[in-house]
Amino acid sequence: MAEESKARATGIGGFFFRSRDPEALKAWYAEHLGVAWGDGAPWAQKAGYTVFEPFKMDDDYFESDRTYMMNFRIDDLARLIDQLKATGIEVIEKEEWNSEIGRFARIHDPEGNPIELWEPGAPPPDSC
């Protein structure tokens, strides 16, 4: 089968995970990261890079015992860090995480799930 005729994924359509208190956690993500349903429609993202990268089970990059880590593209990381800290959320920053692909920081949601915050350093390509 020719490569151009193959069907393929065009993006991530959702991220589903279990929670002890789904309504409270949805409210937390809406308040602090702007990830929310609006007018009955799913959260609409801006186009940009999405990294899909499995890690070895014993890799320590997540700095967590969780088997996943969400990563959100951020438009103004410095401002978001200030906002998060003002509400008492611990923000972890390490200089070695920053590179030509962008700046990074970490937080955890109220249930301890790791979240990587990424302000890309390079513009996304015009098309995939």
N, C-alpha and C. Protein backbone atom coordinates (compact mmCIF):
# COMPACT_ATOMS: atom_id res chain seq x y z
N MET A 1 0.85 -1.18 0.00
CA MET A 1 0.00 0.00 0.00
C MET A 1 0.89 1.24 0.00
N ALA A 2 0.60 2.16 -0.89
CA ALA A 2 1.39 3.38 -0.99
C ALA A 2 1.22 4.22 0.28
N GLU A 3 2.30 4.85 0.69
CA GLU A 3 2.29 5.64 1.93
C GLU A 3 1.21 6.71 1.94
N GLU A 4 1.01 7.42 0.82
CA GLU A 4 0.03 8.51 0.79
C GLU A 4 -1.41 8.02 0.90
N SER A 5 -1.67 6.72 0.65
CA SER A 5 -3.03 6.22 0.73
C SER A 5 -3.37 5.60 2.09
N LYS A 6 -2.41 5.56 2.99
CA LYS A 6 -2.66 5.01 4.32
C LYS A 6 -3.41 6.01 5.19
N ALA A 7 -4.37 5.52 5.95
CA ALA A 7 -5.03 6.35 6.94
C ALA A 7 -4.06 6.52 8.11
N ARG A 8 -4.16 7.65 8.81
CA ARG A 8 -3.26 7.89 9.94
C ARG A 8 -3.94 8.77 10.96
N ALA A 9 -3.40 8.79 12.14
CA ALA A 9 -3.90 9.70 13.18
C ALA A 9 -3.55 11.12 12.78
N THR A 10 -4.43 12.05 13.08
CA THR A 10 -4.19 13.45 12.73
C THR A 10 -3.98 14.33 13.95
N GLY A 11 -4.08 13.78 15.12
CA GLY A 11 -3.88 14.53 16.35
C GLY A 11 -4.41 13.75 17.53
N ILE A 12 -4.22 14.26 18.70
CA ILE A 12 -4.73 13.61 19.90
C ILE A 12 -6.15 14.12 20.11
N GLY A 13 -7.09 13.21 20.18
CA GLY A 13 -8.49 13.56 20.33
C GLY A 13 -8.95 13.62 21.76
N GLY A 14 -8.14 13.15 22.68
CA GLY A 14 -8.52 13.20 24.09
C GLY A 14 -7.45 12.55 24.95
N PHE A 15 -7.51 12.84 26.21
CA PHE A 15 -6.64 12.21 27.20
C PHE A 15 -7.54 11.83 28.35
N PHE A 16 -7.71 10.54 28.59
CA PHE A 16 -8.66 10.05 29.58
C PHE A 16 -7.89 9.38 30.72
N PHE A 17 -8.25 9.71 31.93
CA PHE A 17 -7.59 9.10 33.08
C PHE A 17 -8.56 9.08 34.25
N ARG A 18 -8.29 8.23 35.20
CA ARG A 18 -9.17 8.08 36.36
C ARG A 18 -8.82 9.09 37.42
N SER A 19 -9.83 9.44 38.21
CA SER A 19 -9.66 10.45 39.25
C SER A 19 -10.52 10.08 40.45
N ARG A 20 -10.04 10.43 41.63
CA ARG A 20 -10.85 10.23 42.84
C ARG A 20 -12.03 11.19 42.86
N ASP A 21 -11.87 12.39 42.29
CA ASP A 21 -12.93 13.40 42.27
C ASP A 21 -12.90 14.11 40.93
N PRO A 22 -13.50 13.50 39.89
CA PRO A 22 -13.42 14.07 38.54
C PRO A 22 -13.91 15.51 38.42
N GLU A 23 -15.00 15.86 39.05
CA GLU A 23 -15.53 17.22 38.91
C GLU A 23 -14.57 18.25 39.51
N ALA A 24 -14.01 17.96 40.69
CA ALA A 24 -13.05 18.88 41.31
C ALA A 24 -11.79 19.01 40.46
N LEU A 25 -11.33 17.89 39.90
CA LEU A 25 -10.11 17.93 39.08
C LEU A 25 -10.34 18.69 37.78
N LYS A 26 -11.52 18.51 37.15
CA LYS A 26 -11.84 19.29 35.96
C LYS A 26 -11.86 20.78 36.28
N ALA A 27 -12.40 21.14 37.42
CA ALA A 27 -12.44 22.55 37.82
C ALA A 27 -11.02 23.09 38.03
N TRP A 28 -10.13 22.29 38.62
CA TRP A 28 -8.74 22.71 38.86
C TRP A 28 -8.03 22.97 37.53
N TYR A 29 -8.18 22.06 36.57
CA TYR A 29 -7.54 22.25 35.26
C TYR A 29 -8.11 23.47 34.55
N ALA A 30 -9.39 23.70 34.67
CA ALA A 30 -10.01 24.88 34.05
C ALA A 30 -9.48 26.16 34.68
N GLU A 31 -9.41 26.21 36.01
CA GLU A 31 -8.97 27.42 36.70
C GLU A 31 -7.50 27.74 36.46
N HIS A 32 -6.64 26.73 36.56
CA HIS A 32 -5.20 27.00 36.55
C HIS A 32 -4.54 26.89 35.18
N LEU A 33 -5.12 26.09 34.27
CA LEU A 33 -4.49 25.90 32.96
C LEU A 33 -5.41 26.25 31.80
N GLY A 34 -6.65 26.59 32.08
CA GLY A 34 -7.57 26.97 31.01
C GLY A 34 -8.07 25.80 30.18
N VAL A 35 -7.90 24.58 30.68
CA VAL A 35 -8.35 23.38 29.97
C VAL A 35 -9.77 23.10 30.44
N ALA A 36 -10.74 23.39 29.58
CA ALA A 36 -12.13 23.25 30.01
C ALA A 36 -13.05 23.04 28.83
N TRP A 37 -14.23 22.54 29.14
CA TRP A 37 -15.31 22.46 28.16
C TRP A 37 -15.98 23.81 28.13
N GLY A 38 -16.30 24.30 26.95
CA GLY A 38 -17.00 25.57 26.84
C GLY A 38 -18.23 25.43 25.97
N ASP A 39 -19.36 25.87 26.47
CA ASP A 39 -20.62 25.80 25.73
C ASP A 39 -20.91 24.38 25.22
N GLY A 40 -20.58 23.38 26.03
CA GLY A 40 -20.86 22.00 25.66
C GLY A 40 -19.90 21.39 24.65
N ALA A 41 -18.86 22.12 24.26
CA ALA A 41 -17.90 21.63 23.28
C ALA A 41 -16.57 21.32 23.95
N PRO A 42 -15.81 20.33 23.44
CA PRO A 42 -14.49 20.04 24.02
C PRO A 42 -13.55 21.23 23.90
N TRP A 43 -12.51 21.22 24.73
CA TRP A 43 -11.45 22.22 24.72
C TRP A 43 -10.83 22.26 23.32
N ALA A 44 -10.74 23.42 22.72
CA ALA A 44 -10.12 23.58 21.41
C ALA A 44 -8.69 24.06 21.59
N GLN A 45 -7.75 23.31 21.05
CA GLN A 45 -6.34 23.65 21.16
C GLN A 45 -5.88 24.49 19.99
N LYS A 46 -4.79 25.21 20.21
CA LYS A 46 -4.12 25.87 19.10
C LYS A 46 -3.23 24.83 18.42
N ALA A 47 -3.07 24.95 17.13
CA ALA A 47 -2.21 24.03 16.39
C ALA A 47 -0.77 24.17 16.86
N GLY A 48 -0.06 23.10 16.88
CA GLY A 48 1.34 23.12 17.29
C GLY A 48 1.86 21.71 17.45
N TYR A 49 3.08 21.63 17.90
CA TYR A 49 3.71 20.34 18.10
C TYR A 49 3.00 19.52 19.16
N THR A 50 2.98 18.21 18.96
CA THR A 50 2.59 17.25 19.99
C THR A 50 3.65 16.17 19.98
N VAL A 51 4.30 15.97 21.10
CA VAL A 51 5.32 14.94 21.21
C VAL A 51 4.65 13.67 21.73
N PHE A 52 4.85 12.58 21.03
CA PHE A 52 4.34 11.27 21.43
C PHE A 52 5.56 10.40 21.66
N GLU A 53 5.92 10.15 22.91
CA GLU A 53 7.20 9.52 23.20
C GLU A 53 7.10 8.54 24.36
N PRO A 54 7.10 7.23 24.10
CA PRO A 54 7.16 6.27 25.19
C PRO A 54 8.53 6.32 25.88
N PHE A 55 8.52 6.15 27.18
CA PHE A 55 9.75 6.10 27.98
C PHE A 55 9.88 4.71 28.58
N LYS A 56 11.10 4.30 28.87
CA LYS A 56 11.32 3.02 29.56
C LYS A 56 10.68 3.10 30.94
N MET A 57 10.23 1.97 31.45
CA MET A 57 9.55 1.93 32.74
C MET A 57 10.44 2.45 33.88
N ASP A 58 11.76 2.28 33.78
CA ASP A 58 12.65 2.71 34.86
C ASP A 58 13.28 4.08 34.62
N ASP A 59 12.84 4.80 33.58
CA ASP A 59 13.37 6.14 33.31
C ASP A 59 12.92 7.09 34.42
N ASP A 60 13.80 7.97 34.88
CA ASP A 60 13.45 8.86 35.99
C ASP A 60 13.08 10.28 35.54
N TYR A 61 12.88 10.51 34.24
CA TYR A 61 12.55 11.85 33.74
C TYR A 61 11.27 12.39 34.36
N PHE A 62 10.27 11.54 34.57
CA PHE A 62 9.00 12.00 35.13
C PHE A 62 9.14 12.46 36.58
N GLU A 63 10.16 11.95 37.26
CA GLU A 63 10.34 12.22 38.69
C GLU A 63 9.06 11.91 39.45
N SER A 64 8.43 10.80 39.08
CA SER A 64 7.16 10.39 39.65
C SER A 64 7.01 8.89 39.44
N ASP A 65 6.18 8.27 40.26
CA ASP A 65 5.92 6.85 40.07
C ASP A 65 4.76 6.60 39.10
N ARG A 66 4.19 7.66 38.56
CA ARG A 66 3.09 7.53 37.60
C ARG A 66 3.61 7.00 36.27
N THR A 67 2.75 6.35 35.52
CA THR A 67 3.16 5.79 34.24
C THR A 67 2.94 6.76 33.08
N TYR A 68 2.44 7.95 33.36
CA TYR A 68 2.26 8.96 32.32
C TYR A 68 2.55 10.34 32.89
N MET A 69 2.80 11.29 32.00
CA MET A 69 2.93 12.69 32.38
C MET A 69 2.32 13.52 31.26
N MET A 70 1.38 14.37 31.60
CA MET A 70 0.80 15.26 30.60
C MET A 70 1.77 16.40 30.34
N ASN A 71 1.75 16.90 29.11
CA ASN A 71 2.58 18.03 28.72
C ASN A 71 1.67 19.02 28.02
N PHE A 72 1.66 20.25 28.50
CA PHE A 72 0.85 21.29 27.88
C PHE A 72 1.75 22.35 27.26
N ARG A 73 1.43 22.75 26.02
CA ARG A 73 2.12 23.89 25.40
C ARG A 73 1.57 25.14 26.07
N ILE A 74 2.47 26.05 26.42
CA ILE A 74 2.11 27.26 27.15
C ILE A 74 2.54 28.48 26.32
N ASP A 75 1.68 29.50 26.26
CA ASP A 75 2.02 30.67 25.45
C ASP A 75 2.92 31.66 26.18
N ASP A 76 2.90 31.69 27.50
CA ASP A 76 3.74 32.62 28.28
C ASP A 76 4.08 31.93 29.60
N LEU A 77 5.14 31.13 29.59
CA LEU A 77 5.49 30.31 30.75
C LEU A 77 5.80 31.16 31.98
N ALA A 78 6.54 32.23 31.82
CA ALA A 78 6.90 33.08 32.97
C ALA A 78 5.63 33.61 33.66
N ARG A 79 4.68 34.08 32.87
CA ARG A 79 3.45 34.62 33.45
C ARG A 79 2.63 33.52 34.12
N LEU A 80 2.56 32.33 33.48
CA LEU A 80 1.81 31.23 34.08
C LEU A 80 2.45 30.79 35.39
N ILE A 81 3.78 30.72 35.42
CA ILE A 81 4.47 30.35 36.66
C ILE A 81 4.11 31.32 37.78
N ASP A 82 4.13 32.61 37.48
CA ASP A 82 3.74 33.61 38.49
C ASP A 82 2.31 33.39 38.97
N GLN A 83 1.39 33.14 38.03
CA GLN A 83 0.00 32.91 38.39
C GLN A 83 -0.15 31.68 39.28
N LEU A 84 0.53 30.58 38.92
CA LEU A 84 0.44 29.35 39.69
C LEU A 84 1.00 29.54 41.10
N LYS A 85 2.17 30.16 41.18
CA LYS A 85 2.78 30.39 42.50
C LYS A 85 1.89 31.28 43.37
N ALA A 86 1.21 32.25 42.77
CA ALA A 86 0.33 33.15 43.52
C ALA A 86 -0.84 32.40 44.15
N THR A 87 -1.19 31.23 43.58
CA THR A 87 -2.29 30.44 44.15
C THR A 87 -1.77 29.33 45.06
N GLY A 88 -0.46 29.30 45.29
CA GLY A 88 0.11 28.31 46.20
C GLY A 88 0.54 27.01 45.54
N ILE A 89 0.52 26.94 44.22
CA ILE A 89 0.94 25.72 43.52
C ILE A 89 2.46 25.72 43.40
N GLU A 90 3.08 24.62 43.81
CA GLU A 90 4.53 24.49 43.70
C GLU A 90 4.92 24.30 42.24
N VAL A 91 5.87 25.08 41.79
CA VAL A 91 6.38 24.99 40.42
C VAL A 91 7.84 24.58 40.50
N ILE A 92 8.18 23.55 39.76
CA ILE A 92 9.56 23.05 39.73
C ILE A 92 10.19 23.51 38.42
N GLU A 93 11.34 24.16 38.54
CA GLU A 93 12.07 24.62 37.36
C GLU A 93 13.51 24.12 37.47
N LYS A 94 14.04 23.61 36.38
CA LYS A 94 15.43 23.17 36.32
C LYS A 94 16.03 23.69 35.02
N GLU A 95 17.14 24.36 35.12
CA GLU A 95 17.78 24.94 33.94
C GLU A 95 18.09 23.88 32.88
N GLU A 96 18.45 22.65 33.31
CA GLU A 96 18.81 21.61 32.34
C GLU A 96 17.62 21.14 31.51
N TRP A 97 16.40 21.47 31.91
CA TRP A 97 15.23 21.12 31.10
C TRP A 97 15.08 22.06 29.91
N ASN A 98 15.65 23.25 29.97
CA ASN A 98 15.50 24.24 28.90
C ASN A 98 16.50 23.99 27.79
N SER A 99 16.06 24.20 26.55
CA SER A 99 16.93 23.96 25.40
C SER A 99 16.42 24.77 24.22
N GLU A 100 16.98 24.50 23.04
CA GLU A 100 16.55 25.21 21.85
C GLU A 100 15.10 24.90 21.48
N ILE A 101 14.54 23.81 22.01
CA ILE A 101 13.14 23.51 21.69
C ILE A 101 12.17 24.20 22.64
N GLY A 102 12.70 24.85 23.69
CA GLY A 102 11.82 25.62 24.55
C GLY A 102 12.19 25.60 26.02
N ARG A 103 11.30 26.21 26.81
CA ARG A 103 11.46 26.29 28.26
C ARG A 103 10.44 25.36 28.90
N PHE A 104 10.82 24.77 30.04
CA PHE A 104 9.98 23.79 30.70
C PHE A 104 9.87 24.06 32.20
N ALA A 105 8.76 23.65 32.77
CA ALA A 105 8.56 23.66 34.21
C ALA A 105 7.62 22.50 34.52
N ARG A 106 7.50 22.16 35.79
CA ARG A 106 6.62 21.06 36.22
C ARG A 106 5.75 21.50 37.37
N ILE A 107 4.55 20.96 37.36
CA ILE A 107 3.64 21.08 38.50
C ILE A 107 2.98 19.72 38.68
N HIS A 108 2.18 19.60 39.73
CA HIS A 108 1.37 18.40 39.95
C HIS A 108 -0.05 18.85 40.21
N ASP A 109 -1.01 18.10 39.69
CA ASP A 109 -2.40 18.43 39.99
C ASP A 109 -2.73 17.98 41.41
N PRO A 110 -3.91 18.28 41.93
CA PRO A 110 -4.24 17.93 43.31
C PRO A 110 -4.18 16.43 43.62
N GLU A 111 -4.22 15.59 42.60
CA GLU A 111 -4.14 14.15 42.84
C GLU A 111 -2.72 13.61 42.62
N GLY A 112 -1.75 14.51 42.43
CA GLY A 112 -0.35 14.10 42.31
C GLY A 112 0.10 13.74 40.91
N ASN A 113 -0.74 13.94 39.90
CA ASN A 113 -0.34 13.65 38.52
C ASN A 113 0.67 14.69 38.03
N PRO A 114 1.80 14.24 37.47
CA PRO A 114 2.80 15.19 36.99
C PRO A 114 2.34 15.88 35.71
N ILE A 115 2.63 17.17 35.61
CA ILE A 115 2.28 17.97 34.45
C ILE A 115 3.51 18.75 34.02
N GLU A 116 3.91 18.57 32.77
CA GLU A 116 5.02 19.34 32.24
C GLU A 116 4.44 20.52 31.47
N LEU A 117 4.97 21.70 31.72
CA LEU A 117 4.57 22.92 31.05
C LEU A 117 5.67 23.28 30.07
N TRP A 118 5.32 23.52 28.81
CA TRP A 118 6.31 23.71 27.75
C TRP A 118 5.97 24.94 26.94
N GLU A 119 6.88 25.90 26.94
CA GLU A 119 6.78 27.05 26.05
C GLU A 119 7.73 26.78 24.89
N PRO A 120 7.19 26.35 23.73
CA PRO A 120 8.06 26.00 22.61
C PRO A 120 8.97 27.15 22.19
N GLY A 121 10.19 26.79 21.79
CA GLY A 121 11.17 27.79 21.38
C GLY A 121 11.26 27.94 19.88
N ALA A 122 10.63 27.03 19.15
CA ALA A 122 10.65 27.09 17.70
C ALA A 122 9.21 27.12 17.20
N PRO A 123 8.93 27.86 16.15
CA PRO A 123 7.57 27.90 15.63
C PRO A 123 7.18 26.55 15.04
N PRO A 124 5.89 26.16 15.13
CA PRO A 124 5.47 24.90 14.55
C PRO A 124 5.54 24.94 13.03
N PRO A 125 5.66 23.76 12.41
CA PRO A 125 5.68 23.74 10.94
C PRO A 125 4.33 24.16 10.39
N ASP A 126 4.30 24.59 9.14
CA ASP A 126 3.06 25.01 8.49
C ASP A 126 2.08 23.85 8.33
N SER A 127 2.61 22.65 8.11
CA SER A 127 1.74 21.48 7.96
C SER A 127 2.47 20.25 8.45
N CYS A 128 1.68 19.22 8.71
CA CYS A 128 2.25 17.95 9.21
C CYS A 128 2.73 17.08 8.08
